[in-house]
N, C-alpha and C. Protein backbone atom coordinates (compact mmCIF):
# COMPACT_ATOMS: atom_id res chain seq x y z
N MET A 1 -5.13 -50.80 -127.06
CA MET A 1 -4.92 -49.68 -128.11
C MET A 1 -3.92 -50.68 -129.35
N ASP A 2 -3.95 -50.84 -130.72
CA ASP A 2 -3.11 -51.26 -131.46
C ASP A 2 -1.78 -50.58 -132.00
N GLU A 3 -1.31 -51.57 -132.33
CA GLU A 3 0.05 -51.08 -132.85
C GLU A 3 0.21 -49.92 -133.69
N GLU A 4 -0.47 -49.68 -134.66
CA GLU A 4 -0.86 -48.88 -135.44
C GLU A 4 -1.40 -47.26 -134.76
N THR A 5 -2.14 -47.85 -134.27
CA THR A 5 -2.68 -46.59 -133.55
C THR A 5 -1.81 -45.78 -132.40
N LEU A 6 -1.18 -46.57 -131.74
CA LEU A 6 -0.13 -45.91 -130.70
C LEU A 6 0.99 -44.81 -131.86
N THR A 7 1.39 -46.13 -133.25
CA THR A 7 2.21 -45.39 -134.13
C THR A 7 1.95 -44.07 -134.34
N VAL A 8 0.62 -43.60 -134.65
CA VAL A 8 -0.13 -42.73 -134.88
C VAL A 8 0.24 -41.67 -134.23
N TRP A 9 -0.63 -41.91 -132.54
CA TRP A 9 -0.54 -41.23 -131.54
C TRP A 9 1.18 -40.28 -131.13
N LEU A 10 2.06 -41.40 -131.44
CA LEU A 10 3.71 -40.68 -131.27
C LEU A 10 3.95 -40.02 -131.82
N ASP A 11 3.42 -40.22 -133.51
CA ASP A 11 4.16 -39.48 -134.38
C ASP A 11 3.73 -37.75 -134.19
N THR A 12 2.06 -38.32 -134.00
CA THR A 12 1.51 -36.40 -133.82
C THR A 12 1.81 -36.04 -132.78
N ALA A 13 2.47 -36.63 -131.51
CA ALA A 13 3.24 -35.71 -130.16
C ALA A 13 4.20 -35.64 -130.09
N LEU A 14 4.98 -36.05 -131.40
CA LEU A 14 6.26 -35.65 -131.50
C LEU A 14 6.43 -34.56 -132.92
N LEU A 15 5.36 -34.35 -133.45
CA LEU A 15 5.16 -33.77 -134.14
C LEU A 15 4.74 -32.01 -133.40
N MET A 16 4.10 -32.48 -132.80
CA MET A 16 3.40 -31.41 -132.30
C MET A 16 4.59 -30.30 -131.05
N LEU A 17 5.18 -31.23 -130.61
CA LEU A 17 6.28 -30.99 -129.89
C LEU A 17 7.78 -30.19 -130.44
N GLY A 18 8.01 -30.53 -131.50
CA GLY A 18 8.97 -30.16 -132.50
C GLY A 18 8.32 -28.99 -132.57
N GLY A 19 7.05 -28.50 -132.98
CA GLY A 19 5.99 -27.26 -133.39
C GLY A 19 6.75 -26.72 -131.98
N PHE A 20 5.99 -26.80 -131.22
CA PHE A 20 6.49 -26.21 -129.58
C PHE A 20 8.02 -25.86 -130.00
N VAL A 21 8.50 -26.50 -129.98
CA VAL A 21 10.50 -25.83 -130.07
C VAL A 21 10.57 -25.36 -130.47
N LEU A 22 10.40 -24.95 -132.54
CA LEU A 22 10.38 -24.62 -133.36
C LEU A 22 9.94 -23.10 -133.44
N MET A 23 8.15 -23.31 -132.32
CA MET A 23 8.38 -22.01 -132.26
C MET A 23 8.55 -20.48 -131.25
N THR A 24 9.15 -22.22 -130.34
CA THR A 24 10.34 -21.00 -129.33
C THR A 24 11.08 -20.61 -129.77
N VAL A 25 11.56 -21.14 -130.33
CA VAL A 25 13.25 -20.47 -130.69
C VAL A 25 12.98 -19.47 -131.86
N LEU A 26 12.19 -19.57 -132.55
CA LEU A 26 11.48 -18.28 -133.48
C LEU A 26 11.09 -17.31 -132.84
N MET A 27 10.19 -17.73 -131.52
CA MET A 27 9.91 -16.46 -130.99
C MET A 27 10.95 -15.90 -130.24
N MET A 28 11.74 -16.63 -129.75
CA MET A 28 12.89 -15.54 -129.13
C MET A 28 13.82 -14.62 -130.26
N THR A 29 13.95 -14.76 -131.53
CA THR A 29 14.59 -14.38 -132.30
C THR A 29 13.63 -12.87 -132.53
N VAL A 30 12.53 -12.89 -132.66
CA VAL A 30 11.92 -11.87 -132.87
C VAL A 30 11.60 -11.17 -131.33
N MET A 31 11.54 -11.67 -130.36
CA MET A 31 11.54 -11.15 -129.11
C MET A 31 12.67 -10.26 -128.72
N ASN A 32 13.84 -10.69 -129.13
CA ASN A 32 14.92 -9.61 -129.13
C ASN A 32 15.75 -9.67 -130.20
N PRO A 33 14.93 -9.03 -131.33
CA PRO A 33 16.24 -9.31 -132.52
C PRO A 33 17.47 -8.29 -132.33
N PRO A 34 19.00 -8.53 -133.33
CA PRO A 34 19.90 -7.63 -132.95
C PRO A 34 19.52 -6.41 -133.56
N ALA A 35 20.79 -5.70 -132.53
CA ALA A 35 20.79 -4.08 -132.46
C ALA A 35 20.69 -3.81 -134.52
N LYS A 36 20.51 -2.94 -135.29
CA LYS A 36 20.18 -2.68 -136.76
C LYS A 36 21.33 -1.68 -136.90
N ALA A 37 22.46 -1.32 -138.04
CA ALA A 37 22.82 -0.68 -137.79
C ALA A 37 22.94 0.68 -137.61
N SER A 38 21.82 1.16 -138.21
CA SER A 38 21.17 2.47 -137.82
C SER A 38 21.15 2.76 -136.43
N GLU A 39 20.90 1.62 -135.46
CA GLU A 39 21.08 2.44 -134.29
C GLU A 39 22.22 2.34 -133.49
N THR A 40 22.96 1.70 -133.87
CA THR A 40 24.54 2.04 -133.02
C THR A 40 25.29 3.23 -133.98
N ASP A 41 25.20 3.63 -135.15
CA ASP A 41 25.60 4.73 -135.84
C ASP A 41 25.46 6.10 -134.76
N GLY A 42 26.75 6.42 -134.45
CA GLY A 42 26.91 7.90 -133.72
C GLY A 42 26.58 7.27 -132.44
N VAL A 43 27.48 6.52 -131.59
CA VAL A 43 26.75 5.84 -130.50
C VAL A 43 28.46 5.80 -130.69
N THR A 44 29.55 6.94 -129.53
CA THR A 44 31.25 6.10 -129.04
C THR A 44 30.95 6.11 -128.32
N ALA A 45 32.10 5.21 -127.47
CA ALA A 45 32.22 4.95 -125.97
C ALA A 45 32.88 6.41 -125.01
N PRO A 46 32.13 6.90 -124.09
CA PRO A 46 32.92 7.84 -123.49
C PRO A 46 34.26 7.74 -123.20
N GLY A 47 34.85 8.67 -122.99
CA GLY A 47 36.85 8.60 -122.96
C GLY A 47 36.73 9.00 -121.31
N ASN A 48 36.56 8.62 -120.24
CA ASN A 48 36.77 8.15 -119.11
C ASN A 48 37.83 8.62 -118.76
N VAL A 49 38.24 9.97 -117.84
CA VAL A 49 39.33 9.80 -116.64
C VAL A 49 38.97 9.13 -115.46
N THR A 50 39.94 8.18 -114.97
CA THR A 50 39.40 7.83 -113.36
C THR A 50 40.60 8.02 -112.97
N VAL A 51 40.18 8.68 -111.06
CA VAL A 51 41.39 9.16 -110.49
C VAL A 51 41.15 8.23 -109.09
N GLU A 52 41.43 7.66 -108.77
CA GLU A 52 41.25 7.12 -107.32
C GLU A 52 42.57 6.82 -105.76
N THR A 53 42.38 7.28 -105.23
CA THR A 53 43.21 7.63 -103.96
C THR A 53 43.05 5.86 -102.74
N GLN A 54 43.71 5.88 -102.19
CA GLN A 54 43.70 4.64 -101.30
C GLN A 54 45.13 5.19 -100.08
N TRP A 55 44.69 5.09 -98.98
CA TRP A 55 45.42 4.87 -98.22
C TRP A 55 45.18 3.52 -96.99
N PRO A 56 46.03 3.49 -96.05
CA PRO A 56 46.04 2.12 -95.47
C PRO A 56 44.29 2.04 -94.61
N ASP A 57 44.01 0.71 -95.13
CA ASP A 57 42.79 -0.40 -94.39
C ASP A 57 42.59 0.56 -93.32
N LYS A 58 41.51 0.60 -92.23
CA LYS A 58 41.21 1.03 -91.22
C LYS A 58 41.68 2.03 -90.27
N LEU A 59 42.38 2.88 -90.58
CA LEU A 59 42.53 4.38 -90.53
C LEU A 59 41.65 5.08 -90.03
N ASP A 60 41.90 5.55 -89.14
CA ASP A 60 40.27 6.53 -88.96
C ASP A 60 40.81 8.16 -89.34
N ALA A 61 41.23 7.85 -90.70
CA ALA A 61 41.19 9.42 -91.22
C ALA A 61 40.63 9.45 -92.64
N ASP A 62 40.37 11.23 -92.77
CA ASP A 62 39.72 11.54 -93.75
C ASP A 62 40.44 11.95 -94.56
N VAL A 63 40.96 11.46 -95.77
CA VAL A 63 41.94 11.94 -96.52
C VAL A 63 40.75 12.66 -98.02
N ASP A 64 40.84 13.65 -98.10
CA ASP A 64 40.19 14.03 -99.77
C ASP A 64 40.90 14.30 -100.72
N LEU A 65 40.36 13.12 -102.38
CA LEU A 65 40.76 13.50 -103.15
C LEU A 65 40.06 15.53 -103.82
N TRP A 66 40.53 15.77 -104.22
CA TRP A 66 40.99 16.92 -105.06
C TRP A 66 41.10 17.02 -106.36
N VAL A 67 40.31 17.42 -107.36
CA VAL A 67 40.19 16.78 -109.07
C VAL A 67 40.38 18.12 -109.52
N GLN A 68 41.02 18.29 -110.95
CA GLN A 68 41.02 19.85 -111.80
C GLN A 68 40.95 19.54 -113.34
N ALA A 69 39.54 19.72 -114.30
CA ALA A 69 39.64 19.27 -115.82
C ALA A 69 40.59 20.68 -116.45
N PRO A 70 40.90 20.59 -117.57
CA PRO A 70 41.11 21.50 -118.56
C PRO A 70 40.08 22.34 -118.39
N GLY A 71 39.81 23.77 -117.68
CA GLY A 71 39.25 24.67 -118.18
C GLY A 71 37.63 24.23 -116.78
N ASP A 72 38.19 23.36 -116.25
CA ASP A 72 36.51 23.52 -115.48
C ASP A 72 36.88 23.75 -113.55
N VAL A 73 36.09 23.67 -112.82
CA VAL A 73 36.18 23.93 -111.38
C VAL A 73 36.72 22.91 -110.73
N PRO A 74 37.66 23.00 -109.70
CA PRO A 74 37.75 22.07 -108.55
C PRO A 74 36.97 21.02 -108.51
N VAL A 75 37.64 19.93 -108.35
CA VAL A 75 36.15 18.63 -107.72
C VAL A 75 36.46 18.42 -106.17
N GLY A 76 35.72 18.07 -105.23
CA GLY A 76 36.06 17.45 -104.02
C GLY A 76 34.88 17.44 -103.57
N TYR A 77 35.17 16.94 -101.68
CA TYR A 77 34.06 17.28 -100.97
C TYR A 77 33.02 17.95 -101.09
N SER A 78 33.63 19.15 -100.61
CA SER A 78 32.84 20.75 -100.88
C SER A 78 31.93 20.81 -102.50
N ASN A 79 32.43 20.50 -103.12
CA ASN A 79 32.18 20.26 -105.11
C ASN A 79 32.42 18.90 -105.47
N LYS A 80 31.52 18.35 -105.75
CA LYS A 80 31.48 17.23 -106.18
C LYS A 80 31.04 16.91 -107.49
N SER A 81 30.83 18.14 -108.25
CA SER A 81 30.79 17.73 -109.29
C SER A 81 31.34 18.59 -110.01
N GLY A 82 31.43 18.52 -111.49
CA GLY A 82 31.93 19.86 -112.38
C GLY A 82 31.60 19.76 -113.99
N LYS A 83 32.00 20.45 -114.51
CA LYS A 83 31.29 20.11 -116.23
C LYS A 83 32.25 19.04 -116.62
N VAL A 84 33.29 18.65 -116.07
CA VAL A 84 33.64 17.24 -116.18
C VAL A 84 33.93 16.39 -115.38
N PHE A 85 33.80 16.47 -114.41
CA PHE A 85 34.61 15.45 -113.21
C PHE A 85 33.29 15.22 -112.24
N ASP A 86 33.43 13.70 -111.76
CA ASP A 86 32.45 13.63 -110.32
C ASP A 86 32.83 13.58 -109.59
N LEU A 87 32.98 13.78 -107.96
CA LEU A 87 33.83 13.35 -106.87
C LEU A 87 32.07 11.33 -106.86
N LEU A 88 32.68 10.40 -106.65
CA LEU A 88 31.69 9.12 -106.85
C LEU A 88 31.86 8.40 -105.24
N ARG A 89 32.67 8.84 -105.10
CA ARG A 89 32.98 8.14 -103.34
C ARG A 89 33.64 9.67 -102.64
N ASP A 90 33.29 9.93 -101.38
CA ASP A 90 34.18 10.78 -99.99
C ASP A 90 34.18 9.69 -98.73
N ASP A 91 35.26 9.15 -99.10
CA ASP A 91 35.42 8.55 -98.07
C ASP A 91 35.45 9.09 -96.53
N LEU A 92 35.01 9.07 -95.78
CA LEU A 92 35.32 9.74 -94.36
C LEU A 92 36.07 9.11 -93.38
N GLY A 93 36.87 8.22 -93.69
CA GLY A 93 37.74 7.29 -92.73
C GLY A 93 36.63 6.27 -92.20
N MET A 94 36.66 6.14 -91.24
CA MET A 94 36.04 5.28 -90.44
C MET A 94 34.86 5.75 -89.84
N ALA A 95 34.48 6.81 -90.32
CA ALA A 95 32.64 7.55 -89.61
C ALA A 95 31.77 7.48 -90.51
N GLN A 96 30.87 6.93 -90.14
CA GLN A 96 29.68 6.56 -91.36
C GLN A 96 30.41 5.08 -92.50
N ASP A 97 30.78 4.30 -92.44
CA ASP A 97 31.57 3.78 -92.70
C ASP A 97 31.73 1.98 -92.20
N MET A 98 30.86 1.03 -93.39
CA MET A 98 30.57 -0.38 -92.74
C MET A 98 31.82 -1.40 -93.29
N THR A 99 32.65 -0.27 -94.48
CA THR A 99 33.94 -1.37 -94.69
C THR A 99 35.01 -0.63 -93.72
N ASP A 100 36.02 -1.57 -93.96
CA ASP A 100 37.25 -1.36 -93.33
C ASP A 100 38.24 -0.24 -94.18
N SER A 101 37.66 -0.69 -95.93
CA SER A 101 38.04 -0.28 -96.95
C SER A 101 38.73 1.86 -96.88
N ASN A 102 39.55 2.41 -97.11
CA ASN A 102 39.63 3.30 -97.30
C ASN A 102 40.42 3.99 -98.29
N HIS A 103 38.92 4.54 -99.50
CA HIS A 103 39.26 5.01 -100.74
C HIS A 103 38.53 6.18 -101.60
N GLU A 104 38.73 7.23 -102.20
CA GLU A 104 38.00 8.17 -103.15
C GLU A 104 38.24 7.71 -104.14
N VAL A 105 36.93 7.82 -105.77
CA VAL A 105 37.07 7.84 -106.60
C VAL A 105 36.25 9.17 -107.37
N ALA A 106 37.25 9.79 -108.47
CA ALA A 106 36.56 11.07 -109.34
C ALA A 106 36.76 10.20 -110.52
N TYR A 107 35.71 10.45 -111.51
CA TYR A 107 35.36 10.49 -113.17
C TYR A 107 34.77 11.31 -113.97
N SER A 108 35.31 10.99 -114.81
CA SER A 108 35.42 12.43 -116.16
C SER A 108 33.97 11.64 -116.82
N ARG A 109 33.55 13.17 -117.87
CA ARG A 109 32.78 12.69 -118.56
C ARG A 109 33.61 12.91 -119.83
N GLY A 110 34.19 12.08 -120.52
CA GLY A 110 35.48 12.52 -121.60
C GLY A 110 36.52 12.79 -121.54
N ALA A 111 37.49 13.10 -121.74
CA ALA A 111 38.70 13.42 -121.87
C ALA A 111 39.39 14.48 -122.37
N PRO A 112 38.50 16.03 -122.17
CA PRO A 112 39.28 16.69 -122.76
C PRO A 112 40.51 17.02 -122.84
N ALA A 113 41.03 17.94 -123.76
CA ALA A 113 42.40 17.73 -124.27
C ALA A 113 42.83 19.16 -123.21
N GLY A 114 44.51 18.83 -122.50
CA GLY A 114 44.86 19.83 -121.36
C GLY A 114 45.45 19.26 -120.52
N GLU A 115 45.46 20.76 -118.96
CA GLU A 115 46.31 20.01 -118.38
C GLU A 115 45.33 19.62 -117.13
N TYR A 116 45.47 18.12 -116.60
CA TYR A 116 44.82 17.79 -115.63
C TYR A 116 45.68 18.13 -114.01
N VAL A 117 44.62 18.13 -112.89
CA VAL A 117 45.03 18.28 -111.17
C VAL A 117 44.90 17.18 -110.50
N VAL A 118 45.57 16.20 -109.69
CA VAL A 118 45.12 15.85 -108.92
C VAL A 118 45.79 16.33 -107.21
N ASN A 119 44.99 16.76 -106.22
CA ASN A 119 45.33 17.13 -105.57
C ASN A 119 44.97 15.80 -104.36
N VAL A 120 45.46 15.95 -103.15
CA VAL A 120 44.91 14.85 -102.01
C VAL A 120 45.41 16.14 -100.61
N HIS A 121 43.88 15.56 -99.49
CA HIS A 121 43.83 16.60 -98.44
C HIS A 121 43.76 15.98 -97.10
N MET A 122 44.71 16.13 -96.02
CA MET A 122 44.06 15.49 -94.81
C MET A 122 43.16 16.02 -94.33
N TYR A 123 42.45 16.21 -94.30
CA TYR A 123 40.67 16.51 -93.69
C TYR A 123 41.01 16.34 -92.12
N ARG A 124 40.60 14.70 -92.16
CA ARG A 124 40.58 14.76 -90.42
C ARG A 124 41.55 13.41 -90.24
N GLY A 125 42.07 13.62 -89.06
CA GLY A 125 42.75 12.60 -88.58
C GLY A 125 42.53 11.85 -86.71
N VAL A 126 42.14 10.89 -86.23
CA VAL A 126 41.58 10.51 -85.12
C VAL A 126 43.07 10.16 -85.05
N ASN A 127 43.61 10.08 -83.92
CA ASN A 127 44.92 8.82 -83.46
C ASN A 127 45.46 8.60 -84.41
N VAL A 128 46.45 9.73 -85.60
CA VAL A 128 46.39 9.17 -86.89
C VAL A 128 48.09 9.45 -86.73
N THR A 129 48.54 8.59 -87.14
CA THR A 129 50.49 8.29 -86.92
C THR A 129 50.65 9.04 -88.26
N TYR A 130 51.44 10.11 -88.24
CA TYR A 130 51.88 10.58 -89.65
C TYR A 130 53.73 9.70 -89.66
N PRO A 131 54.20 10.20 -90.75
CA PRO A 131 52.94 10.53 -92.13
C PRO A 131 51.93 9.10 -92.81
N VAL A 132 51.09 9.61 -93.36
CA VAL A 132 49.55 8.71 -93.54
C VAL A 132 50.50 8.75 -95.64
N PRO A 133 50.44 7.33 -96.01
CA PRO A 133 50.48 7.42 -97.62
C PRO A 133 49.22 7.21 -97.80
N VAL A 134 49.47 7.66 -98.91
CA VAL A 134 47.79 7.73 -100.22
C VAL A 134 48.47 7.65 -101.59
N LYS A 135 48.14 6.60 -101.89
CA LYS A 135 48.12 6.39 -103.19
C LYS A 135 47.44 6.95 -104.16
N ILE A 136 47.53 6.96 -105.05
CA ILE A 136 46.55 8.08 -106.52
C ILE A 136 47.42 7.30 -107.64
N SER A 137 46.04 6.80 -108.49
CA SER A 137 45.84 6.14 -109.46
C SER A 137 45.31 7.24 -110.73
N VAL A 138 45.65 6.95 -111.80
CA VAL A 138 45.01 7.66 -113.07
C VAL A 138 44.74 6.59 -114.19
N ASN A 139 43.36 6.49 -114.19
CA ASN A 139 43.73 5.87 -115.80
C ASN A 139 42.90 6.30 -116.50
N VAL A 140 42.89 6.40 -118.27
CA VAL A 140 42.60 6.83 -119.14
C VAL A 140 41.69 5.57 -119.73
N LYS A 141 39.97 5.88 -120.33
CA LYS A 141 39.50 4.80 -120.54
C LYS A 141 39.18 5.34 -121.90
N ARG A 142 39.89 5.22 -123.19
CA ARG A 142 39.08 5.47 -124.40
C ARG A 142 38.66 5.04 -125.10
N ASP A 143 38.02 3.78 -125.08
CA ASP A 143 36.69 2.53 -125.72
C ASP A 143 36.14 2.12 -124.24
N ALA A 144 34.86 1.58 -124.84
CA ALA A 144 34.57 1.15 -124.32
C ALA A 144 34.90 -0.43 -123.36
N LYS A 145 36.03 -0.69 -123.74
CA LYS A 145 36.81 -1.80 -123.50
C LYS A 145 37.86 -2.21 -122.85
N SER A 146 38.32 -1.27 -122.42
CA SER A 146 39.90 -0.56 -122.41
C SER A 146 39.94 0.38 -121.37
N SER A 147 41.00 0.25 -120.82
CA SER A 147 41.53 1.46 -120.21
C SER A 147 43.32 1.35 -119.82
N ALA A 148 43.72 2.44 -120.10
CA ALA A 148 45.00 2.64 -119.75
C ALA A 148 45.78 2.98 -118.62
N PRO A 149 46.65 2.89 -118.20
CA PRO A 149 47.37 3.46 -116.80
C PRO A 149 47.98 5.17 -117.47
N VAL A 150 47.35 6.00 -116.97
CA VAL A 150 48.38 7.44 -117.02
C VAL A 150 49.36 7.71 -116.10
N ALA A 151 49.54 6.69 -114.83
CA ALA A 151 50.07 7.53 -113.21
C ALA A 151 49.74 6.69 -112.46
N THR A 152 50.57 6.16 -111.20
CA THR A 152 50.23 6.38 -110.00
C THR A 152 51.59 6.94 -109.37
N THR A 153 51.30 7.05 -108.48
CA THR A 153 52.03 7.73 -107.35
C THR A 153 51.96 7.50 -106.15
N THR A 154 52.33 7.76 -105.18
CA THR A 154 52.21 7.49 -103.54
C THR A 154 52.72 8.76 -102.70
N VAL A 155 52.12 9.75 -101.96
CA VAL A 155 52.61 10.50 -101.33
C VAL A 155 52.22 10.78 -99.95
N GLN A 156 53.03 10.97 -99.06
CA GLN A 156 52.92 11.24 -97.43
C GLN A 156 52.13 12.35 -97.08
N LEU A 157 51.04 12.04 -96.09
CA LEU A 157 51.01 13.23 -95.47
C LEU A 157 51.22 13.42 -94.47
N ARG A 158 51.67 14.74 -93.76
CA ARG A 158 52.63 14.59 -92.53
C ARG A 158 52.25 15.22 -91.81
N LYS A 159 51.04 16.27 -91.67
CA LYS A 159 49.85 16.95 -90.88
C LYS A 159 48.53 17.08 -91.10
N PRO A 160 47.81 17.26 -89.99
CA PRO A 160 45.97 17.84 -90.79
C PRO A 160 46.16 19.24 -91.25
N ASN A 161 45.28 19.02 -92.11
CA ASN A 161 45.08 20.22 -93.08
C ASN A 161 46.11 20.28 -94.26
N GLN A 162 47.17 19.05 -94.55
CA GLN A 162 47.89 19.80 -96.05
C GLN A 162 47.49 19.32 -96.92
N GLU A 163 47.90 20.04 -97.75
CA GLU A 163 47.14 19.45 -99.35
C GLU A 163 48.82 19.56 -99.80
N LEU A 164 48.36 18.69 -100.88
CA LEU A 164 49.62 18.24 -101.65
C LEU A 164 49.11 18.20 -103.46
N THR A 165 49.58 18.43 -104.13
CA THR A 165 49.35 18.07 -105.39
C THR A 165 50.24 16.62 -105.60
N ALA A 166 49.57 15.53 -106.03
CA ALA A 166 49.94 14.63 -106.01
C ALA A 166 50.28 14.44 -107.56
N LEU A 167 49.97 14.69 -108.44
CA LEU A 167 50.07 14.81 -110.33
C LEU A 167 49.18 15.73 -110.57
N ARG A 168 50.70 16.43 -111.80
CA ARG A 168 49.85 17.70 -112.93
C ARG A 168 50.16 16.62 -113.83
N PHE A 169 49.41 16.49 -115.01
CA PHE A 169 49.45 15.55 -115.99
C PHE A 169 48.66 16.43 -117.47
N LYS A 170 49.08 16.18 -118.55
CA LYS A 170 48.42 16.78 -120.08
C LYS A 170 48.25 15.63 -120.45
N LEU A 171 46.85 15.83 -121.36
CA LEU A 171 46.65 14.71 -122.46
C LEU A 171 46.48 15.61 -123.31
N ASP A 172 46.31 14.58 -125.18
CA ASP A 172 46.03 15.35 -125.93
C ASP A 172 44.99 15.06 -126.34
N SER A 173 43.75 15.78 -127.75
CA SER A 173 43.07 15.45 -127.89
C SER A 173 42.23 13.93 -127.97
N THR A 174 43.33 12.97 -128.48
CA THR A 174 42.76 12.07 -128.29
C THR A 174 42.71 11.16 -126.59
N GLY A 175 43.30 11.72 -125.80
CA GLY A 175 42.93 10.62 -124.42
C GLY A 175 44.50 10.61 -124.26
N GLN A 176 45.51 10.62 -124.75
CA GLN A 176 46.78 10.16 -124.73
C GLN A 176 48.05 10.89 -124.10
N LEU A 177 48.91 10.27 -123.35
CA LEU A 177 49.47 11.02 -122.31
C LEU A 177 50.55 12.20 -123.29
N VAL A 178 50.72 13.12 -122.74
CA VAL A 178 51.72 14.00 -123.47
C VAL A 178 53.01 13.80 -122.72
N PRO A 179 53.99 13.31 -123.63
CA PRO A 179 55.31 12.86 -122.78
C PRO A 179 55.73 14.49 -122.38
N GLY A 180 56.40 14.24 -121.06
CA GLY A 180 56.98 14.96 -120.68
C GLY A 180 56.01 15.40 -119.59
N SER A 181 55.33 15.67 -119.41
CA SER A 181 54.13 16.67 -118.96
C SER A 181 53.70 16.52 -117.60
N ILE A 182 53.83 14.62 -117.02
CA ILE A 182 53.97 14.65 -115.74
C ILE A 182 54.74 15.16 -114.82
N ASN A 183 53.91 15.65 -113.73
CA ASN A 183 54.64 16.89 -112.44
C ASN A 183 54.38 16.74 -111.43
N SER A 184 54.72 17.00 -110.03
CA SER A 184 53.35 16.98 -108.73
C SER A 184 54.13 18.62 -107.87
N ILE A 185 54.14 19.64 -109.24
CA ILE A 185 54.38 21.57 -108.99
C ILE A 185 52.87 21.92 -108.40
N PHE A 186 53.14 22.27 -106.88
CA PHE A 186 51.88 22.53 -106.31
C PHE A 186 50.35 23.60 -107.07
N LYS A 187 49.70 23.14 -106.83
CA LYS A 187 48.23 24.03 -107.69
C LYS A 187 47.41 23.70 -106.49
N PRO A 188 47.00 24.77 -105.55
CA PRO A 188 45.83 24.40 -104.31
C PRO A 188 44.73 24.22 -105.01
N LEU A 189 43.08 23.84 -104.75
CA LEU A 189 42.66 23.42 -105.26
C LEU A 189 41.59 23.64 -104.50
N ARG A 190 41.44 23.00 -103.28
CA ARG A 190 40.49 22.93 -102.18
C ARG A 190 40.10 24.00 -101.64
N VAL A 191 41.44 25.36 -101.68
CA VAL A 191 40.70 26.85 -101.66
C VAL A 191 40.03 27.13 -102.81
N ALA A 192 40.90 27.03 -104.23
CA ALA A 192 39.97 27.56 -105.26
C ALA A 192 38.56 27.05 -105.74
N ALA A 193 39.03 26.11 -104.66
CA ALA A 193 36.56 25.35 -105.23
C ALA A 193 36.12 26.44 -104.21
N SER A 194 36.44 26.77 -103.30
CA SER A 194 35.50 27.36 -102.43
C SER A 194 35.09 28.86 -102.78
N GLN A 195 36.14 29.27 -103.51
CA GLN A 195 36.33 30.99 -103.89
C GLN A 195 35.14 30.83 -105.69
């Protein structure tokens, strides 16, 4: 093969390779086009209230989280969903659990204005030394990217079947905490859920 033929052959091969790369780049934009403005209009991030309880790891105790949103039924182990809240995880302590972690989580669809109630209940404890400290954290997610803490507290469960109100608080229509609304005045939720 002489030098002229080799040059023509290499030029042709490089042009074909360049064309292939160009077609690949163009196909990627066609296969995954950016979203049109009309497709994202009217879509809002859900305003979620997240409530999480934690108690000491490796402790064989079933501590139940109970939550109630404004105008809704109490949500807990025997009633896992309401109009607003869902109980995501019902931790049974060491029973039927492959992890040492003890925690329960409830989350909401939206954040309606009004009073929220968060209770904890000592359902069962096997060889438990009382009191059992339970940490409760509440966060509000107002957009898809950030969440803001509302309150965090720790309560002490001192006996079996004890139910305590850990937090009561109010949110306004924008999901903001109403100043001065946090308290822990007892409101039974577990019994109310069974009625």
